[in-house]
Amino acid sequence: MSFFTLLVIAVGVSADAFAVAVAKGLHMRRITVRDAGGLAIGFGLFQGLMPIAGWLLGRGFHDYITEIDHWIAFGLLVVIGAKMIHEAFSPRDDEADFQGISLRELLALSVATSIDALAVGISFAFLDVAILPAATLIGVLTAVVTLIGVFIGHRAGGRFGRPAEIAGGVILILIGTRILLDHLGVF
């Protein structure tokens, strides 16, 4: 898999972290290192670890499903992308006053925003992707876009959150489609 494709996947899976960071930034009366840094580290760490966990799961089943691996990668990426698009249109409770981020909330948000990275890791196992560089790219990019999202949310409001989540979902669907079409010999 090319670096560009991995970068596009990293952008796609980090879109939900960006959207959450924008929403959190929107409610911050002032940006603190604790809150912005905590979000960036938490989201980046979980987004980096989840593909590794997914890859390990996928490798365990590799010999049993190599004939359908492209369909699995396609299905997972399409489902994740569709979920992201659906969530972008779902109502949210963005109106609550921001009181800081507790450790419990940080962990819950970190896990919630990284479930798609777990599924991407499973897909990587079937595509023989070098997982450590891919997971590092995903984790670092997520941390960076999370920080950017907090600042955008704080300065400009929440208007980029939903479009970013929709774009991330569409990107994952397109990548899944490309994987399937590559395997079927269309490209």
N, C-alpha and C. Protein backbone atom coordinates (compact mmCIF):
# COMPACT_ATOMS: atom_id res chain seq x y z
N MET A 1 0.85 -1.17 0.00
CA MET A 1 0.00 0.00 0.00
C MET A 1 0.90 1.24 0.00
N SER A 2 0.57 2.20 -0.84
CA SER A 2 1.40 3.40 -0.96
C SER A 2 1.26 4.31 0.26
N PHE A 3 2.27 5.17 0.45
CA PHE A 3 2.22 6.14 1.54
C PHE A 3 1.01 7.06 1.37
N PHE A 4 0.74 7.46 0.15
CA PHE A 4 -0.40 8.35 -0.09
C PHE A 4 -1.71 7.70 0.33
N THR A 5 -1.89 6.42 0.00
CA THR A 5 -3.10 5.71 0.40
C THR A 5 -3.20 5.62 1.91
N LEU A 6 -2.07 5.31 2.57
CA LEU A 6 -2.06 5.27 4.04
C LEU A 6 -2.39 6.63 4.63
N LEU A 7 -1.86 7.68 4.02
CA LEU A 7 -2.15 9.03 4.50
C LEU A 7 -3.64 9.36 4.36
N VAL A 8 -4.22 8.97 3.25
CA VAL A 8 -5.65 9.22 3.04
C VAL A 8 -6.48 8.43 4.06
N ILE A 9 -6.10 7.19 4.34
CA ILE A 9 -6.79 6.40 5.35
C ILE A 9 -6.65 7.06 6.72
N ALA A 10 -5.44 7.52 7.03
CA ALA A 10 -5.21 8.19 8.31
C ALA A 10 -6.08 9.44 8.45
N VAL A 11 -6.19 10.20 7.37
CA VAL A 11 -7.06 11.38 7.39
C VAL A 11 -8.51 10.95 7.59
N GLY A 12 -8.92 9.89 6.90
CA GLY A 12 -10.30 9.41 7.02
C GLY A 12 -10.66 8.98 8.43
N VAL A 13 -9.78 8.18 9.06
CA VAL A 13 -10.11 7.69 10.40
C VAL A 13 -9.93 8.75 11.47
N SER A 14 -9.15 9.79 11.17
CA SER A 14 -8.99 10.86 12.16
C SER A 14 -10.09 11.91 12.08
N ALA A 15 -10.95 11.82 11.08
CA ALA A 15 -12.00 12.83 10.90
C ALA A 15 -12.96 12.88 12.08
N ASP A 16 -13.30 11.72 12.65
CA ASP A 16 -14.23 11.74 13.79
C ASP A 16 -13.56 12.36 15.02
N ALA A 17 -12.26 12.12 15.20
CA ALA A 17 -11.53 12.76 16.29
C ALA A 17 -11.50 14.27 16.08
N PHE A 18 -11.31 14.70 14.84
CA PHE A 18 -11.33 16.12 14.51
C PHE A 18 -12.69 16.73 14.84
N ALA A 19 -13.76 16.03 14.44
CA ALA A 19 -15.11 16.55 14.69
C ALA A 19 -15.38 16.68 16.19
N VAL A 20 -14.97 15.69 16.97
CA VAL A 20 -15.15 15.76 18.42
C VAL A 20 -14.31 16.88 19.00
N ALA A 21 -13.08 17.03 18.52
CA ALA A 21 -12.21 18.10 19.01
C ALA A 21 -12.79 19.48 18.70
N VAL A 22 -13.36 19.63 17.51
CA VAL A 22 -14.01 20.90 17.15
C VAL A 22 -15.16 21.18 18.12
N ALA A 23 -15.98 20.16 18.37
CA ALA A 23 -17.11 20.34 19.29
C ALA A 23 -16.62 20.69 20.70
N LYS A 24 -15.58 20.03 21.16
CA LYS A 24 -15.03 20.34 22.48
C LYS A 24 -14.43 21.75 22.50
N GLY A 25 -13.70 22.10 21.45
CA GLY A 25 -13.11 23.44 21.37
C GLY A 25 -14.16 24.53 21.35
N LEU A 26 -15.29 24.24 20.75
CA LEU A 26 -16.38 25.19 20.69
C LEU A 26 -16.85 25.60 22.09
N HIS A 27 -16.81 24.67 23.02
CA HIS A 27 -17.31 24.91 24.36
C HIS A 27 -16.24 25.37 25.35
N MET A 28 -14.99 25.44 24.91
CA MET A 28 -13.93 25.88 25.81
C MET A 28 -13.94 27.40 25.92
N ARG A 29 -14.12 27.89 27.13
CA ARG A 29 -14.04 29.34 27.34
C ARG A 29 -12.61 29.80 27.12
N ARG A 30 -11.67 28.97 27.54
CA ARG A 30 -10.26 29.21 27.26
C ARG A 30 -9.62 27.84 27.03
N ILE A 31 -8.64 27.81 26.17
CA ILE A 31 -7.97 26.55 25.86
C ILE A 31 -6.88 26.33 26.89
N THR A 32 -6.90 25.17 27.52
CA THR A 32 -5.86 24.81 28.47
C THR A 32 -4.98 23.72 27.86
N VAL A 33 -3.72 23.71 28.28
CA VAL A 33 -2.81 22.67 27.82
C VAL A 33 -3.33 21.30 28.24
N ARG A 34 -3.89 21.23 29.45
CA ARG A 34 -4.41 19.97 29.97
C ARG A 34 -5.51 19.41 29.07
N ASP A 35 -6.46 20.25 28.71
CA ASP A 35 -7.59 19.77 27.92
C ASP A 35 -7.22 19.53 26.46
N ALA A 36 -6.58 20.50 25.81
CA ALA A 36 -6.21 20.34 24.39
C ALA A 36 -5.16 19.24 24.24
N GLY A 37 -4.14 19.25 25.10
CA GLY A 37 -3.11 18.22 25.04
C GLY A 37 -3.64 16.85 25.40
N GLY A 38 -4.52 16.80 26.39
CA GLY A 38 -5.12 15.52 26.78
C GLY A 38 -5.93 14.90 25.65
N LEU A 39 -6.72 15.73 24.98
CA LEU A 39 -7.48 15.23 23.83
C LEU A 39 -6.54 14.73 22.74
N ALA A 40 -5.52 15.51 22.41
CA ALA A 40 -4.61 15.13 21.34
C ALA A 40 -3.87 13.84 21.67
N ILE A 41 -3.36 13.74 22.89
CA ILE A 41 -2.62 12.53 23.27
C ILE A 41 -3.56 11.33 23.36
N GLY A 42 -4.71 11.51 23.99
CA GLY A 42 -5.66 10.40 24.13
C GLY A 42 -6.15 9.89 22.79
N PHE A 43 -6.60 10.81 21.93
CA PHE A 43 -7.10 10.41 20.62
C PHE A 43 -5.98 9.80 19.78
N GLY A 44 -4.82 10.44 19.78
CA GLY A 44 -3.70 9.93 18.98
C GLY A 44 -3.23 8.56 19.44
N LEU A 45 -3.14 8.38 20.76
CA LEU A 45 -2.70 7.10 21.31
C LEU A 45 -3.67 5.98 20.95
N PHE A 46 -4.96 6.22 21.18
CA PHE A 46 -5.93 5.17 20.87
C PHE A 46 -6.04 4.92 19.38
N GLN A 47 -5.98 5.98 18.57
CA GLN A 47 -6.02 5.79 17.11
C GLN A 47 -4.79 5.05 16.62
N GLY A 48 -3.68 5.17 17.32
CA GLY A 48 -2.47 4.43 16.94
C GLY A 48 -2.46 2.99 17.43
N LEU A 49 -3.05 2.74 18.60
CA LEU A 49 -3.06 1.38 19.16
C LEU A 49 -4.15 0.49 18.55
N MET A 50 -5.27 1.07 18.23
CA MET A 50 -6.38 0.26 17.71
C MET A 50 -6.06 -0.45 16.39
N PRO A 51 -5.38 0.19 15.43
CA PRO A 51 -5.03 -0.56 14.22
C PRO A 51 -4.11 -1.75 14.51
N ILE A 52 -3.24 -1.59 15.50
CA ILE A 52 -2.36 -2.71 15.87
C ILE A 52 -3.19 -3.86 16.43
N ALA A 53 -4.13 -3.54 17.31
CA ALA A 53 -5.02 -4.58 17.87
C ALA A 53 -5.82 -5.25 16.75
N GLY A 54 -6.35 -4.45 15.83
CA GLY A 54 -7.11 -5.00 14.71
C GLY A 54 -6.24 -5.85 13.80
N TRP A 55 -5.02 -5.40 13.56
CA TRP A 55 -4.08 -6.14 12.72
C TRP A 55 -3.77 -7.49 13.34
N LEU A 56 -3.55 -7.51 14.67
CA LEU A 56 -3.28 -8.78 15.35
C LEU A 56 -4.47 -9.73 15.24
N LEU A 57 -5.67 -9.20 15.39
CA LEU A 57 -6.87 -10.02 15.21
C LEU A 57 -6.96 -10.56 13.78
N GLY A 58 -6.73 -9.68 12.83
CA GLY A 58 -6.80 -10.08 11.42
C GLY A 58 -5.76 -11.10 11.03
N ARG A 59 -4.55 -10.97 11.56
CA ARG A 59 -3.49 -11.94 11.25
C ARG A 59 -3.84 -13.33 11.78
N GLY A 60 -4.54 -13.38 12.90
CA GLY A 60 -4.93 -14.66 13.46
C GLY A 60 -5.88 -15.44 12.56
N PHE A 61 -6.63 -14.71 11.75
CA PHE A 61 -7.60 -15.35 10.86
C PHE A 61 -7.16 -15.35 9.40
N HIS A 62 -5.97 -14.85 9.13
CA HIS A 62 -5.50 -14.64 7.76
C HIS A 62 -5.58 -15.90 6.90
N ASP A 63 -5.08 -17.01 7.39
CA ASP A 63 -5.04 -18.23 6.59
C ASP A 63 -6.43 -18.77 6.23
N TYR A 64 -7.42 -18.41 7.02
CA TYR A 64 -8.76 -18.93 6.81
C TYR A 64 -9.57 -18.11 5.80
N ILE A 65 -9.16 -16.88 5.58
CA ILE A 65 -10.02 -16.02 4.77
C ILE A 65 -9.28 -15.24 3.67
N THR A 66 -8.14 -15.71 3.23
CA THR A 66 -7.39 -14.98 2.21
C THR A 66 -8.16 -14.86 0.89
N GLU A 67 -9.05 -15.79 0.62
CA GLU A 67 -9.81 -15.74 -0.63
C GLU A 67 -10.86 -14.64 -0.64
N ILE A 68 -11.25 -14.19 0.53
CA ILE A 68 -12.28 -13.15 0.60
C ILE A 68 -11.79 -11.89 1.31
N ASP A 69 -10.48 -11.78 1.53
CA ASP A 69 -9.95 -10.66 2.30
C ASP A 69 -10.29 -9.30 1.70
N HIS A 70 -10.27 -9.20 0.37
CA HIS A 70 -10.60 -7.93 -0.27
C HIS A 70 -12.05 -7.53 -0.01
N TRP A 71 -12.92 -8.53 0.05
CA TRP A 71 -14.34 -8.24 0.36
C TRP A 71 -14.48 -7.79 1.82
N ILE A 72 -13.68 -8.41 2.70
CA ILE A 72 -13.72 -8.01 4.12
C ILE A 72 -13.23 -6.58 4.28
N ALA A 73 -12.09 -6.27 3.64
CA ALA A 73 -11.56 -4.90 3.72
C ALA A 73 -12.57 -3.90 3.16
N PHE A 74 -13.14 -4.23 2.02
CA PHE A 74 -14.16 -3.38 1.40
C PHE A 74 -15.35 -3.20 2.34
N GLY A 75 -15.87 -4.29 2.86
CA GLY A 75 -17.04 -4.24 3.75
C GLY A 75 -16.78 -3.42 5.00
N LEU A 76 -15.63 -3.66 5.64
CA LEU A 76 -15.32 -2.92 6.87
C LEU A 76 -15.19 -1.43 6.60
N LEU A 77 -14.47 -1.07 5.55
CA LEU A 77 -14.28 0.35 5.26
C LEU A 77 -15.59 1.03 4.85
N VAL A 78 -16.43 0.33 4.10
CA VAL A 78 -17.72 0.90 3.72
C VAL A 78 -18.62 1.06 4.94
N VAL A 79 -18.66 0.05 5.79
CA VAL A 79 -19.49 0.14 7.00
C VAL A 79 -19.00 1.28 7.90
N ILE A 80 -17.70 1.38 8.10
CA ILE A 80 -17.15 2.44 8.93
C ILE A 80 -17.45 3.80 8.32
N GLY A 81 -17.23 3.92 7.02
CA GLY A 81 -17.51 5.19 6.34
C GLY A 81 -18.98 5.56 6.43
N ALA A 82 -19.86 4.59 6.21
CA ALA A 82 -21.30 4.86 6.30
C ALA A 82 -21.68 5.24 7.72
N LYS A 83 -21.07 4.60 8.72
CA LYS A 83 -21.34 4.93 10.12
C LYS A 83 -20.93 6.37 10.41
N MET A 84 -19.77 6.77 9.90
CA MET A 84 -19.31 8.14 10.12
C MET A 84 -20.27 9.14 9.47
N ILE A 85 -20.73 8.84 8.26
CA ILE A 85 -21.66 9.74 7.58
C ILE A 85 -22.98 9.79 8.35
N HIS A 86 -23.48 8.64 8.78
CA HIS A 86 -24.72 8.60 9.56
C HIS A 86 -24.59 9.42 10.84
N GLU A 87 -23.48 9.25 11.55
CA GLU A 87 -23.28 9.99 12.80
C GLU A 87 -23.17 11.50 12.55
N ALA A 88 -22.69 11.88 11.38
CA ALA A 88 -22.59 13.31 11.06
C ALA A 88 -23.97 13.95 10.99
N PHE A 89 -24.97 13.15 10.60
CA PHE A 89 -26.33 13.67 10.48
C PHE A 89 -27.18 13.41 11.71
N SER A 90 -26.63 12.69 12.70
CA SER A 90 -27.37 12.40 13.93
C SER A 90 -27.33 13.60 14.85
N PRO A 91 -28.42 13.82 15.61
CA PRO A 91 -28.41 14.94 16.55
C PRO A 91 -27.37 14.73 17.64
N ARG A 92 -26.79 15.85 18.10
CA ARG A 92 -25.77 15.79 19.14
C ARG A 92 -26.13 16.78 20.24
N ASP A 93 -25.55 16.53 21.39
CA ASP A 93 -25.72 17.45 22.50
C ASP A 93 -24.50 18.36 22.56
N ASP A 94 -24.44 19.33 21.64
CA ASP A 94 -23.32 20.26 21.59
C ASP A 94 -23.57 21.53 22.39
N GLU A 95 -24.70 21.61 23.04
CA GLU A 95 -25.07 22.86 23.68
C GLU A 95 -24.66 22.94 25.15
N ALA A 96 -24.20 21.84 25.73
CA ALA A 96 -23.86 21.85 27.15
C ALA A 96 -22.65 22.74 27.40
N ASP A 97 -22.63 23.40 28.56
CA ASP A 97 -21.49 24.23 28.94
C ASP A 97 -20.27 23.35 29.16
N PHE A 98 -19.14 23.80 28.68
CA PHE A 98 -17.89 23.05 28.82
C PHE A 98 -17.29 23.27 30.20
N GLN A 99 -17.04 22.21 30.92
CA GLN A 99 -16.49 22.29 32.27
C GLN A 99 -15.12 21.64 32.38
N GLY A 100 -14.45 21.39 31.29
CA GLY A 100 -13.18 20.67 31.32
C GLY A 100 -13.43 19.21 30.98
N ILE A 101 -12.37 18.50 30.73
CA ILE A 101 -12.48 17.10 30.31
C ILE A 101 -11.97 16.22 31.44
N SER A 102 -12.84 15.34 31.92
CA SER A 102 -12.43 14.39 32.96
C SER A 102 -11.69 13.22 32.31
N LEU A 103 -10.96 12.49 33.10
CA LEU A 103 -10.25 11.31 32.59
C LEU A 103 -11.24 10.29 32.04
N ARG A 104 -12.35 10.12 32.72
CA ARG A 104 -13.38 9.18 32.27
C ARG A 104 -13.91 9.58 30.89
N GLU A 105 -14.21 10.87 30.73
CA GLU A 105 -14.71 11.35 29.44
C GLU A 105 -13.64 11.21 28.36
N LEU A 106 -12.40 11.53 28.70
CA LEU A 106 -11.31 11.41 27.74
C LEU A 106 -11.16 9.97 27.26
N LEU A 107 -11.21 9.02 28.18
CA LEU A 107 -11.10 7.60 27.79
C LEU A 107 -12.28 7.18 26.92
N ALA A 108 -13.48 7.58 27.31
CA ALA A 108 -14.67 7.21 26.53
C ALA A 108 -14.59 7.80 25.12
N LEU A 109 -14.23 9.06 25.02
CA LEU A 109 -14.12 9.69 23.70
C LEU A 109 -12.99 9.07 22.88
N SER A 110 -11.88 8.74 23.53
CA SER A 110 -10.75 8.14 22.82
C SER A 110 -11.12 6.78 22.24
N VAL A 111 -11.83 5.98 23.01
CA VAL A 111 -12.27 4.67 22.51
C VAL A 111 -13.30 4.85 21.41
N ALA A 112 -14.28 5.72 21.65
CA ALA A 112 -15.36 5.91 20.68
C ALA A 112 -14.84 6.40 19.33
N THR A 113 -13.87 7.29 19.36
CA THR A 113 -13.36 7.83 18.09
C THR A 113 -12.35 6.91 17.42
N SER A 114 -11.96 5.82 18.08
CA SER A 114 -10.94 4.94 17.49
C SER A 114 -11.45 3.56 17.11
N ILE A 115 -12.73 3.30 17.27
CA ILE A 115 -13.27 1.99 16.88
C ILE A 115 -13.06 1.75 15.39
N ASP A 116 -13.23 2.79 14.59
CA ASP A 116 -13.01 2.63 13.16
C ASP A 116 -11.55 2.26 12.84
N ALA A 117 -10.62 2.74 13.66
CA ALA A 117 -9.20 2.40 13.46
C ALA A 117 -8.96 0.91 13.73
N LEU A 118 -9.71 0.32 14.65
CA LEU A 118 -9.62 -1.12 14.91
C LEU A 118 -10.00 -1.90 13.65
N ALA A 119 -11.10 -1.52 13.04
CA ALA A 119 -11.54 -2.19 11.82
C ALA A 119 -10.56 -1.97 10.68
N VAL A 120 -9.99 -0.78 10.59
CA VAL A 120 -8.98 -0.52 9.57
C VAL A 120 -7.77 -1.42 9.79
N GLY A 121 -7.39 -1.64 11.05
CA GLY A 121 -6.28 -2.54 11.36
C GLY A 121 -6.56 -3.96 10.90
N ILE A 122 -7.79 -4.41 11.05
CA ILE A 122 -8.16 -5.74 10.56
C ILE A 122 -7.98 -5.78 9.05
N SER A 123 -8.42 -4.73 8.37
CA SER A 123 -8.24 -4.65 6.91
C SER A 123 -6.76 -4.68 6.54
N PHE A 124 -5.93 -3.97 7.31
CA PHE A 124 -4.49 -3.94 7.04
C PHE A 124 -3.87 -5.33 7.11
N ALA A 125 -4.37 -6.17 7.99
CA ALA A 125 -3.83 -7.53 8.12
C ALA A 125 -4.02 -8.31 6.82
N PHE A 126 -5.13 -8.09 6.16
CA PHE A 126 -5.41 -8.81 4.93
C PHE A 126 -4.68 -8.23 3.74
N LEU A 127 -4.24 -7.00 3.88
CA LEU A 127 -3.56 -6.32 2.78
C LEU A 127 -2.04 -6.32 2.96
N ASP A 128 -1.55 -7.02 3.99
CA ASP A 128 -0.12 -7.11 4.28
C ASP A 128 0.53 -5.72 4.42
N VAL A 129 -0.13 -4.84 5.15
CA VAL A 129 0.40 -3.51 5.43
C VAL A 129 1.37 -3.61 6.60
N ALA A 130 2.49 -2.92 6.52
CA ALA A 130 3.43 -2.83 7.65
C ALA A 130 2.74 -2.02 8.74
N ILE A 131 2.32 -2.69 9.80
CA ILE A 131 1.41 -2.09 10.77
C ILE A 131 2.04 -0.99 11.62
N LEU A 132 3.28 -1.13 12.04
CA LEU A 132 3.86 -0.11 12.92
C LEU A 132 3.98 1.26 12.26
N PRO A 133 4.51 1.36 11.04
CA PRO A 133 4.53 2.68 10.40
C PRO A 133 3.12 3.22 10.14
N ALA A 134 2.21 2.33 9.73
CA ALA A 134 0.83 2.77 9.46
C ALA A 134 0.15 3.26 10.73
N ALA A 135 0.30 2.51 11.83
CA ALA A 135 -0.32 2.90 13.10
C ALA A 135 0.29 4.19 13.64
N THR A 136 1.60 4.34 13.46
CA THR A 136 2.27 5.56 13.90
C THR A 136 1.74 6.76 13.12
N LEU A 137 1.62 6.61 11.81
CA LEU A 137 1.09 7.69 10.98
C LEU A 137 -0.33 8.06 11.42
N ILE A 138 -1.16 7.06 11.64
CA ILE A 138 -2.54 7.32 12.06
C ILE A 138 -2.56 8.03 13.41
N GLY A 139 -1.77 7.55 14.36
CA GLY A 139 -1.76 8.14 15.69
C GLY A 139 -1.25 9.57 15.70
N VAL A 140 -0.14 9.82 15.01
CA VAL A 140 0.44 11.16 14.99
C VAL A 140 -0.49 12.13 14.25
N LEU A 141 -1.00 11.71 13.11
CA LEU A 141 -1.90 12.58 12.35
C LEU A 141 -3.15 12.90 13.17
N THR A 142 -3.68 11.91 13.87
CA THR A 142 -4.86 12.14 14.70
C THR A 142 -4.56 13.15 15.80
N ALA A 143 -3.41 13.02 16.45
CA ALA A 143 -3.04 13.98 17.50
C ALA A 143 -2.96 15.39 16.93
N VAL A 144 -2.37 15.53 15.76
CA VAL A 144 -2.23 16.85 15.14
C VAL A 144 -3.59 17.42 14.76
N VAL A 145 -4.43 16.62 14.10
CA VAL A 145 -5.74 17.15 13.68
C VAL A 145 -6.64 17.41 14.89
N THR A 146 -6.42 16.67 15.98
CA THR A 146 -7.18 16.93 17.20
C THR A 146 -6.83 18.31 17.75
N LEU A 147 -5.55 18.61 17.83
CA LEU A 147 -5.14 19.94 18.29
C LEU A 147 -5.69 21.04 17.38
N ILE A 148 -5.58 20.81 16.10
CA ILE A 148 -6.12 21.78 15.14
C ILE A 148 -7.63 21.93 15.35
N GLY A 149 -8.31 20.81 15.54
CA GLY A 149 -9.75 20.85 15.75
C GLY A 149 -10.16 21.62 16.99
N VAL A 150 -9.42 21.45 18.07
CA VAL A 150 -9.71 22.19 19.30
C VAL A 150 -9.60 23.69 19.04
N PHE A 151 -8.52 24.10 18.36
CA PHE A 151 -8.33 25.53 18.08
C PHE A 151 -9.36 26.07 17.09
N ILE A 152 -9.68 25.29 16.07
CA ILE A 152 -10.72 25.72 15.12
C ILE A 152 -12.06 25.85 15.85
N GLY A 153 -12.39 24.85 16.65
CA GLY A 153 -13.65 24.90 17.40
C GLY A 153 -13.70 26.10 18.32
N HIS A 154 -12.59 26.36 18.97
CA HIS A 154 -12.54 27.49 19.89
C HIS A 154 -12.66 28.83 19.16
N ARG A 155 -12.01 28.95 18.02
CA ARG A 155 -11.97 30.22 17.29
C ARG A 155 -13.14 30.41 16.33
N ALA A 156 -13.47 29.40 15.59
CA ALA A 156 -14.40 29.58 14.47
C ALA A 156 -15.75 28.92 14.68
N GLY A 157 -15.91 28.18 15.75
CA GLY A 157 -17.19 27.51 15.97
C GLY A 157 -17.21 26.13 15.37
N GLY A 158 -18.37 25.50 15.40
CA GLY A 158 -18.49 24.10 15.01
C GLY A 158 -18.86 23.84 13.57
N ARG A 159 -18.71 24.80 12.68
CA ARG A 159 -19.21 24.57 11.33
C ARG A 159 -18.42 23.56 10.51
N PHE A 160 -17.19 23.21 10.92
CA PHE A 160 -16.39 22.25 10.16
C PHE A 160 -16.54 20.81 10.66
N GLY A 161 -17.14 20.61 11.82
CA GLY A 161 -17.21 19.28 12.42
C GLY A 161 -17.95 18.28 11.56
N ARG A 162 -19.18 18.57 11.23
CA ARG A 162 -19.98 17.63 10.43
C ARG A 162 -19.43 17.43 9.02
N PRO A 163 -19.07 18.49 8.30
CA PRO A 163 -18.49 18.27 6.97
C PRO A 163 -17.22 17.42 7.02
N ALA A 164 -16.40 17.60 8.04
CA ALA A 164 -15.18 16.80 8.16
C ALA A 164 -15.52 15.33 8.38
N GLU A 165 -16.53 15.08 9.21
CA GLU A 165 -16.94 13.70 9.47
C GLU A 165 -17.51 13.06 8.20
N ILE A 166 -18.30 13.81 7.45
CA ILE A 166 -18.86 13.31 6.19
C ILE A 166 -17.73 13.01 5.21
N ALA A 167 -16.79 13.95 5.08
CA ALA A 167 -15.65 13.75 4.16
C ALA A 167 -14.85 12.52 4.57
N GLY A 168 -14.62 12.34 5.87
CA GLY A 168 -13.90 11.16 6.34
C GLY A 168 -14.61 9.87 5.97
N GLY A 169 -15.93 9.85 6.13
CA GLY A 169 -16.71 8.67 5.77
C GLY A 169 -16.65 8.38 4.28
N VAL A 170 -16.79 9.41 3.46
CA VAL A 170 -16.73 9.25 2.01
C VAL A 170 -15.34 8.74 1.59
N ILE A 171 -14.30 9.29 2.20
CA ILE A 171 -12.93 8.85 1.88
C ILE A 171 -12.76 7.37 2.18
N LEU A 172 -13.25 6.91 3.35
CA LEU A 172 -13.11 5.49 3.68
C LEU A 172 -13.88 4.61 2.70
N ILE A 173 -15.08 5.02 2.30
CA ILE A 173 -15.86 4.25 1.33
C ILE A 173 -15.12 4.18 0.00
N LEU A 174 -14.56 5.29 -0.44
CA LEU A 174 -13.82 5.30 -1.71
C LEU A 174 -12.57 4.42 -1.64
N ILE A 175 -11.89 4.43 -0.52
CA ILE A 175 -10.70 3.57 -0.37
C ILE A 175 -11.11 2.10 -0.38
N GLY A 176 -12.19 1.77 0.32
CA GLY A 176 -12.68 0.39 0.30
C GLY A 176 -13.05 -0.05 -1.10
N THR A 177 -13.70 0.83 -1.84
CA THR A 177 -14.07 0.52 -3.22
C THR A 177 -12.82 0.33 -4.09
N ARG A 178 -11.82 1.17 -3.88
CA ARG A 178 -10.57 1.04 -4.65
C ARG A 178 -9.89 -0.29 -4.34
N ILE A 179 -9.85 -0.70 -3.08
CA ILE A 179 -9.24 -1.97 -2.72
C ILE A 179 -9.95 -3.11 -3.44
N LEU A 180 -11.26 -3.10 -3.42
CA LEU A 180 -12.03 -4.15 -4.09
C LEU A 180 -11.79 -4.15 -5.59
N LEU A 181 -11.84 -2.98 -6.21
CA LEU A 181 -11.65 -2.89 -7.65
C LEU A 181 -10.22 -3.27 -8.05
N ASP A 182 -9.23 -2.92 -7.22
CA ASP A 182 -7.85 -3.34 -7.48
C ASP A 182 -7.76 -4.86 -7.49
N HIS A 183 -8.35 -5.49 -6.49
CA HIS A 183 -8.27 -6.95 -6.39
C HIS A 183 -9.02 -7.64 -7.54
N LEU A 184 -10.09 -7.03 -7.99
CA LEU A 184 -10.86 -7.61 -9.08
C LEU A 184 -10.25 -7.31 -10.45
N GLY A 185 -9.16 -6.54 -10.45
CA GLY A 185 -8.43 -6.26 -11.69
C GLY A 185 -9.00 -5.11 -12.50
N VAL A 186 -9.86 -4.30 -11.93
CA VAL A 186 -10.41 -3.16 -12.65
C VAL A 186 -9.35 -2.08 -12.84
N PHE A 187 -8.49 -1.89 -11.83
CA PHE A 187 -7.42 -0.87 -11.92
C PHE A 187 -6.11 -1.55 -12.23
